[in-house]
Amino acid sequence: MPFSSEVAFIAALANDMSKVNALIFASSGNILAIILNYFLGFWLYEKTKTKLLSSKIGSVSYNYGHRYGYYALLFSWLPMIGDPLTLVAGVVRLRFVWFVIIAGSLRIARYYALTLVA
């Protein structure tokens, strides 16, 4: 069942977890999730491509992934569109190292920003 990692992060901070530990655990879990998404897109290329191209949003994501690739990953930290973008990154076969550097850094930055607010 999907659950907002930001809610869990804020709850951990509210229950006196140190900011450093919360940042490490939340970032690690989120980076592992985007890596899973990437490889799902990579390994299930044909099925994922067919599924993506069957919807308007999926087609747009696929086309943007090919056209803008790494630039599209700059939006991967956003809650609703971030996960589909990480899946598309695997489908369009972006280089894994650059994918992790860009998308992973943005995920860490998102949680760091939350530590400043909380």
Protein backbone atom coordinates (compact mmCIF):
# COMPACT_ATOMS: atom_id res chain seq x y z
CA MET A 1 0.00 0.00 0.00
CA PRO A 2 1.58 3.32 -1.03
CA PHE A 3 2.54 5.65 1.76
CA SER A 4 4.09 9.08 1.69
CA SER A 5 7.70 8.87 2.76
CA GLU A 6 7.58 12.53 3.74
CA VAL A 7 4.88 11.79 6.32
CA ALA A 8 6.99 8.98 7.77
CA PHE A 9 10.03 11.26 7.77
CA ILE A 10 8.24 14.06 9.63
CA ALA A 11 6.76 11.51 12.06
CA ALA A 12 10.24 10.14 12.78
CA LEU A 13 11.50 13.65 13.49
CA ALA A 14 8.47 14.38 15.67
CA ASN A 15 9.25 11.26 17.71
CA ASP A 16 12.76 12.53 18.50
CA MET A 17 14.74 10.62 15.90
CA SER A 18 17.90 12.57 15.16
CA LYS A 19 17.82 14.57 11.95
CA VAL A 20 20.95 12.83 10.68
CA ASN A 21 19.51 9.35 11.22
CA ALA A 22 16.17 10.29 9.72
CA LEU A 23 17.95 11.81 6.70
CA ILE A 24 20.12 8.72 6.22
CA PHE A 25 17.27 6.21 6.54
CA ALA A 26 14.75 8.15 4.46
CA SER A 27 17.26 8.94 1.72
CA SER A 28 18.59 5.38 1.59
CA GLY A 29 15.12 3.90 1.36
CA ASN A 30 14.05 6.37 -1.28
CA ILE A 31 17.19 5.83 -3.36
CA LEU A 32 16.66 2.06 -3.20
CA ALA A 33 13.08 2.61 -4.39
CA ILE A 34 14.14 4.69 -7.39
CA ILE A 35 16.79 2.10 -8.27
CA LEU A 36 14.07 -0.57 -8.19
CA ASN A 37 11.91 1.60 -10.46
CA TYR A 38 14.82 2.10 -12.85
CA PHE A 39 15.49 -1.63 -13.13
CA LEU A 40 11.80 -2.46 -13.48
CA GLY A 41 11.74 -0.13 -16.47
CA PHE A 42 15.01 -1.56 -17.78
CA TRP A 43 14.15 -5.26 -17.37
CA LEU A 44 10.53 -4.99 -18.42
CA TYR A 45 11.34 -2.78 -21.39
CA GLU A 46 8.80 -4.08 -23.91
CA LYS A 47 5.92 -4.49 -21.49
CA THR A 48 6.63 -1.17 -19.78
CA LYS A 49 7.03 0.64 -23.08
CA THR A 50 3.73 -0.74 -24.34
CA LYS A 51 2.00 0.21 -21.07
CA LEU A 52 3.50 3.71 -21.07
CA LEU A 53 2.54 4.37 -24.66
CA SER A 54 -1.06 3.27 -23.99
CA SER A 55 -1.79 6.35 -21.86
CA LYS A 56 -1.42 10.02 -22.60
CA ILE A 57 0.73 10.76 -19.54
CA GLY A 58 2.84 7.66 -20.22
CA SER A 59 3.41 8.67 -23.84
CA VAL A 60 4.41 12.17 -22.80
CA SER A 61 6.79 10.74 -20.16
CA TYR A 62 8.33 8.33 -22.65
CA ASN A 63 8.84 11.02 -25.28
CA TYR A 64 10.25 13.47 -22.75
CA GLY A 65 12.52 10.71 -21.46
CA HIS A 66 14.02 10.19 -24.89
CA ARG A 67 14.13 13.85 -25.77
CA TYR A 68 15.27 15.38 -22.50
CA GLY A 69 16.60 12.35 -20.60
CA TYR A 70 18.70 13.62 -17.76
CA TYR A 71 17.01 17.02 -17.69
CA ALA A 72 13.68 15.32 -16.98
CA LEU A 73 15.27 13.74 -13.91
CA LEU A 74 15.49 17.20 -12.38
CA PHE A 75 11.76 16.78 -11.68
CA SER A 76 12.16 13.29 -10.18
CA TRP A 77 12.06 14.65 -6.63
CA LEU A 78 8.45 15.79 -7.05
CA PRO A 79 5.89 13.60 -5.27
CA MET A 80 3.43 12.63 -8.03
CA ILE A 81 5.62 12.56 -11.12
CA GLY A 82 8.95 11.55 -9.63
CA ASP A 83 8.41 7.80 -9.47
CA PRO A 84 7.10 7.48 -13.03
CA LEU A 85 10.10 9.48 -14.24
CA THR A 86 12.47 7.05 -12.55
CA LEU A 87 10.69 4.15 -14.25
CA VAL A 88 10.94 5.90 -17.62
CA ALA A 89 14.66 6.48 -17.02
CA GLY A 90 15.09 2.70 -17.06
CA VAL A 91 12.88 2.27 -20.11
CA VAL A 92 14.84 4.83 -22.13
CA ARG A 93 18.08 3.33 -20.82
CA LEU A 94 19.65 6.39 -19.22
CA ARG A 95 23.12 5.64 -17.87
CA PHE A 96 22.65 4.15 -14.42
CA VAL A 97 25.49 6.02 -12.70
CA TRP A 98 24.20 9.40 -13.87
CA PHE A 99 20.66 8.40 -13.01
CA VAL A 100 21.64 7.61 -9.40
CA ILE A 101 23.75 10.75 -9.07
CA ILE A 102 21.02 13.07 -10.33
CA ALA A 103 17.87 11.47 -8.93
CA GLY A 104 19.53 10.30 -5.71
CA SER A 105 20.99 13.72 -4.97
CA LEU A 106 17.61 15.33 -5.46
CA ARG A 107 15.97 12.84 -3.10
CA ILE A 108 18.57 13.59 -0.43
CA ALA A 109 18.08 17.33 -0.99
CA ARG A 110 14.32 16.94 -0.56
CA TYR A 111 14.73 15.32 2.86
CA TYR A 112 17.41 17.80 3.85
CA ALA A 113 14.99 20.64 3.05
CA LEU A 114 12.40 18.93 5.26
CA THR A 115 14.88 18.81 8.15
CA LEU A 116 15.24 22.58 7.87
CA VAL A 117 11.47 23.05 8.07
CA ALA A 118 10.81 20.48 10.82
